[in-house]
Protein backbone atom coordinates (compact mmCIF):
# COMPACT_ATOMS: atom_id res chain seq x y z
CA MET A 1 -119.60 166.66 47.33
CA SER A 2 -116.45 165.68 49.18
CA ILE A 3 -116.43 163.49 52.27
CA SER A 4 -113.64 163.94 54.79
CA LYS A 5 -112.57 161.32 57.30
CA TYR A 6 -110.92 162.25 60.57
CA ILE A 7 -109.12 160.20 63.19
CA LEU A 8 -109.20 161.43 66.75
CA ILE A 9 -106.29 160.35 68.91
CA ARG A 10 -106.41 160.94 72.62
CA ILE A 11 -103.03 160.40 74.19
CA LEU A 12 -103.19 158.84 77.63
CA LYS A 13 -99.64 157.55 77.67
CA ASN A 14 -96.32 158.86 76.43
CA GLU A 15 -96.16 156.38 73.56
CA TYR A 16 -98.60 155.06 71.00
CA HIS A 17 -98.56 153.31 67.63
CA LEU A 18 -100.94 154.12 64.81
CA SER A 19 -101.15 151.97 61.73
CA ILE A 20 -103.44 152.81 58.83
CA VAL A 21 -103.55 150.37 55.93
CA TYR A 22 -105.22 151.42 52.69
CA ASP A 23 -106.27 149.17 49.87
CA ASP A 24 -104.32 149.47 46.64
CA TRP A 25 -105.29 151.46 43.56
CA LEU A 26 -106.74 148.41 41.76
CA GLU A 27 -109.68 148.03 44.16
CA ASP A 28 -112.45 147.05 43.97
CA ASN A 29 -111.32 143.61 42.74
CA ASP A 30 -112.58 141.29 45.47
CA THR A 31 -114.29 138.75 43.16
CA GLY A 32 -113.54 137.07 39.86
CA GLN A 33 -116.28 139.11 38.20
CA SER A 34 -114.62 142.37 39.35
CA ALA A 35 -111.07 141.24 38.47
CA LYS A 36 -108.80 144.04 37.29
CA ASN A 37 -107.05 143.74 33.94
CA ILE A 38 -103.26 143.67 34.34
CA THR A 39 -100.42 143.79 31.86
CA ILE A 40 -98.13 140.78 31.43
CA ALA A 41 -94.46 141.43 32.36
CA THR A 42 -95.31 144.49 34.48
CA ALA A 43 -94.41 144.48 38.19
CA TYR A 44 -97.12 145.78 40.51
CA GLU A 45 -96.77 146.98 44.13
CA LEU A 46 -100.06 146.17 45.86
CA GLN A 47 -101.81 145.73 49.21
CA CYS A 48 -103.93 142.69 50.08
CA ASN A 49 -106.58 143.60 52.67
CA ASP A 50 -109.13 141.26 51.11
CA PRO A 51 -108.95 138.86 48.14
CA ASP A 52 -107.45 140.51 45.05
CA TRP A 53 -108.49 139.15 41.63
CA PHE A 54 -106.70 139.89 38.37
CA VAL A 55 -107.36 138.97 34.74
CA PHE A 56 -104.73 138.84 32.00
CA TYR A 57 -104.62 137.58 28.43
CA PRO A 58 -101.62 135.31 27.73
CA ASN A 59 -100.86 133.45 24.53
CA ALA A 60 -100.94 129.66 24.51
CA GLY A 61 -97.74 128.37 26.10
CA TRP A 62 -96.78 128.63 29.73
CA ILE A 63 -97.16 131.33 32.34
CA GLU A 64 -95.32 132.11 35.55
CA ILE A 65 -96.82 134.19 38.34
CA ASP A 66 -94.83 135.46 41.31
CA ILE A 67 -95.82 137.37 44.41
CA GLY A 68 -93.28 138.55 46.97
CA PHE A 69 -93.99 139.77 50.50
CA ASN A 70 -92.75 139.68 54.10
CA HIS A 71 -94.28 136.48 55.50
CA ALA A 72 -93.86 137.69 59.09
CA ALA A 73 -96.27 140.56 58.33
CA GLY A 74 -98.94 138.18 56.98
CA ASP A 75 -99.06 134.98 54.93
CA LEU A 76 -100.41 135.45 51.40
CA ASP A 77 -101.38 132.69 48.97
CA LEU A 78 -101.85 132.59 45.20
CA ALA A 79 -104.33 130.72 42.97
CA LEU A 80 -104.79 130.46 39.20
CA TYR A 81 -108.15 129.99 37.43
CA ASP A 82 -109.17 129.44 33.82
CA TYR A 83 -111.69 131.56 31.90
CA THR A 84 -114.63 129.70 33.51
CA PHE A 85 -113.20 130.17 37.03
CA ASN A 86 -112.12 126.55 37.42
CA LEU A 87 -109.13 126.29 39.77
CA LEU A 88 -106.02 125.27 37.81
CA THR A 89 -103.39 125.36 40.56
CA LYS A 90 -102.41 127.21 43.71
CA SER A 91 -99.35 128.04 45.79
CA THR A 92 -99.71 128.05 49.59
CA SER A 93 -96.20 127.96 51.05
CA THR A 94 -95.04 129.62 54.27
CA SER A 95 -92.17 131.53 52.68
CA ASN A 96 -91.79 135.17 51.57
CA ALA A 97 -93.02 134.34 48.06
CA GLU A 98 -95.52 132.28 46.11
CA HIS A 99 -94.73 130.99 42.61
CA LEU A 100 -96.97 129.33 40.00
CA THR A 101 -96.14 127.84 36.63
CA TRP A 102 -98.86 126.57 34.30
CA THR A 103 -99.02 125.45 30.67
CA LEU A 104 -102.01 126.84 28.75
CA ASN A 105 -103.47 125.16 25.67
CA TYR A 106 -105.44 128.28 24.71
CA SER A 107 -104.92 132.01 24.30
CA GLY A 108 -107.33 134.11 26.28
CA PRO A 109 -108.36 135.24 29.74
CA VAL A 110 -106.75 133.72 32.83
CA TYR A 111 -107.53 134.79 36.40
CA ALA A 112 -105.20 135.03 39.39
CA LYS A 113 -106.29 135.45 43.00
CA VAL A 114 -104.08 136.71 45.85
CA TYR A 115 -105.55 136.15 49.30
CA GLY A 116 -104.45 136.14 52.91
CA TYR A 117 -104.18 132.88 54.81
CA ALA A 118 -106.66 133.17 57.70
CA SER A 119 -107.58 136.66 56.36
CA ALA A 120 -104.02 137.96 56.72
CA LYS A 121 -103.28 141.39 55.26
CA ASN A 122 -99.96 142.36 53.68
CA ALA A 123 -98.23 144.42 50.99
CA TYR A 124 -96.91 142.44 48.02
CA THR A 125 -95.37 142.60 44.57
CA PHE A 126 -97.10 140.84 41.68
CA LYS A 127 -95.77 139.86 38.25
CA VAL A 128 -96.95 137.60 35.42
CA ARG A 129 -94.76 136.31 32.59
CA ASN A 130 -95.87 134.48 29.43
CA PHE A 131 -93.66 132.19 27.33
CA THR A 132 -94.63 130.66 24.01
CA ASP A 133 -93.29 127.85 21.86
CA ASP A 134 -93.04 129.87 18.68
CA PHE A 135 -89.73 128.33 17.58
CA VAL A 136 -88.92 124.65 17.28
CA PRO A 137 -85.20 123.80 17.36
CA THR A 138 -83.86 121.63 14.55
CA PRO A 139 -80.43 120.04 14.35
CA GLY A 140 -77.93 121.84 12.13
CA HIS A 141 -75.62 120.40 9.51
CA LEU A 142 -72.73 119.44 11.84
CA ALA A 143 -72.22 115.81 12.77
CA THR A 144 -71.78 116.83 16.43
CA ASN A 145 -75.42 117.83 16.84
CA VAL A 146 -77.37 115.80 19.36
CA PRO A 147 -80.76 114.49 18.21
CA ILE A 148 -83.58 116.16 20.08
CA ASN A 149 -85.55 113.49 21.88
CA ALA A 150 -87.55 112.93 25.03
CA ALA A 151 -84.47 111.79 26.98
CA LEU A 152 -82.93 115.26 26.64
CA SER A 153 -86.17 117.15 27.36
CA TRP A 154 -85.14 120.02 25.13
CA GLN A 155 -87.03 123.26 25.53
CA SER A 156 -88.23 124.73 22.26
CA ARG A 157 -86.65 128.14 22.69
CA ILE A 158 -83.87 129.30 20.37
CA TYR A 159 -81.52 132.22 20.84
CA GLN A 160 -80.31 133.22 17.40
CA GLY A 161 -76.98 134.92 16.83
CA ALA A 162 -75.77 136.34 13.54
CA ALA A 163 -74.27 133.03 12.42
CA CYS A 164 -75.26 130.54 15.07
CA ASP A 165 -78.35 128.93 16.58
CA VAL A 166 -77.95 128.04 20.24
CA TYR A 167 -80.18 125.43 21.87
CA PHE A 168 -80.83 125.21 25.61
CA GLY A 169 -81.89 121.99 27.28
CA THR A 170 -83.66 121.55 30.60
CA ALA A 171 -80.97 119.13 31.70
CA GLY A 172 -78.44 121.96 31.40
CA HIS A 173 -77.01 120.80 28.06
CA LEU A 174 -75.91 123.39 25.51
CA ARG A 175 -75.47 122.52 21.84
CA LYS A 176 -74.52 124.84 19.01
CA SER A 177 -74.78 124.27 15.28
CA CYS A 178 -71.81 126.37 14.15
CA SER A 179 -68.23 127.14 15.08
CA GLN A 180 -69.01 130.52 16.68
CA ASP A 181 -68.34 130.64 20.40
CA ALA A 182 -71.83 130.79 21.91
CA ALA A 183 -70.70 131.34 25.50
CA ASN A 184 -71.30 135.08 25.22
CA LEU A 185 -74.99 134.44 24.43
CA ILE A 186 -75.65 132.74 27.77
């Protein structure tokens, strides 16, 4: 059986505005228990009319979550929870985006909640990224290599070329362990 919904508009003036806002295709996901499974590194276009909960399964390492929206149309906030629904962190700015970064010491379910400040409603984009520390940089054979220590705060990501390992540091330092010009790898 199909149910139809109708809207009756009676025009009393020359001008009127009608706005109909539908929930997104991932509803019903208003609680942590009804969270919808999402894919890491996929961008979603969604509508927040009530709290939206998502679950995803990152590897141990760090995650970044971003939502983007027009703040003037409604302020949205973002929260991150572990597998037992303990709040890990949240982002509650007054800009057109919310951004979270968190380091996980386990692989498994993580929950994100998008909600409107003071019950605001708004359209938004949503994306999760997951980074892991699978590679540990080691100094090469050249005397010009810089020892990796806490003062440099080296990230443990390596971009490997055919004959060169390139190391990136959080302080903006770049070291290479061969004579190949690594500038084209940046």
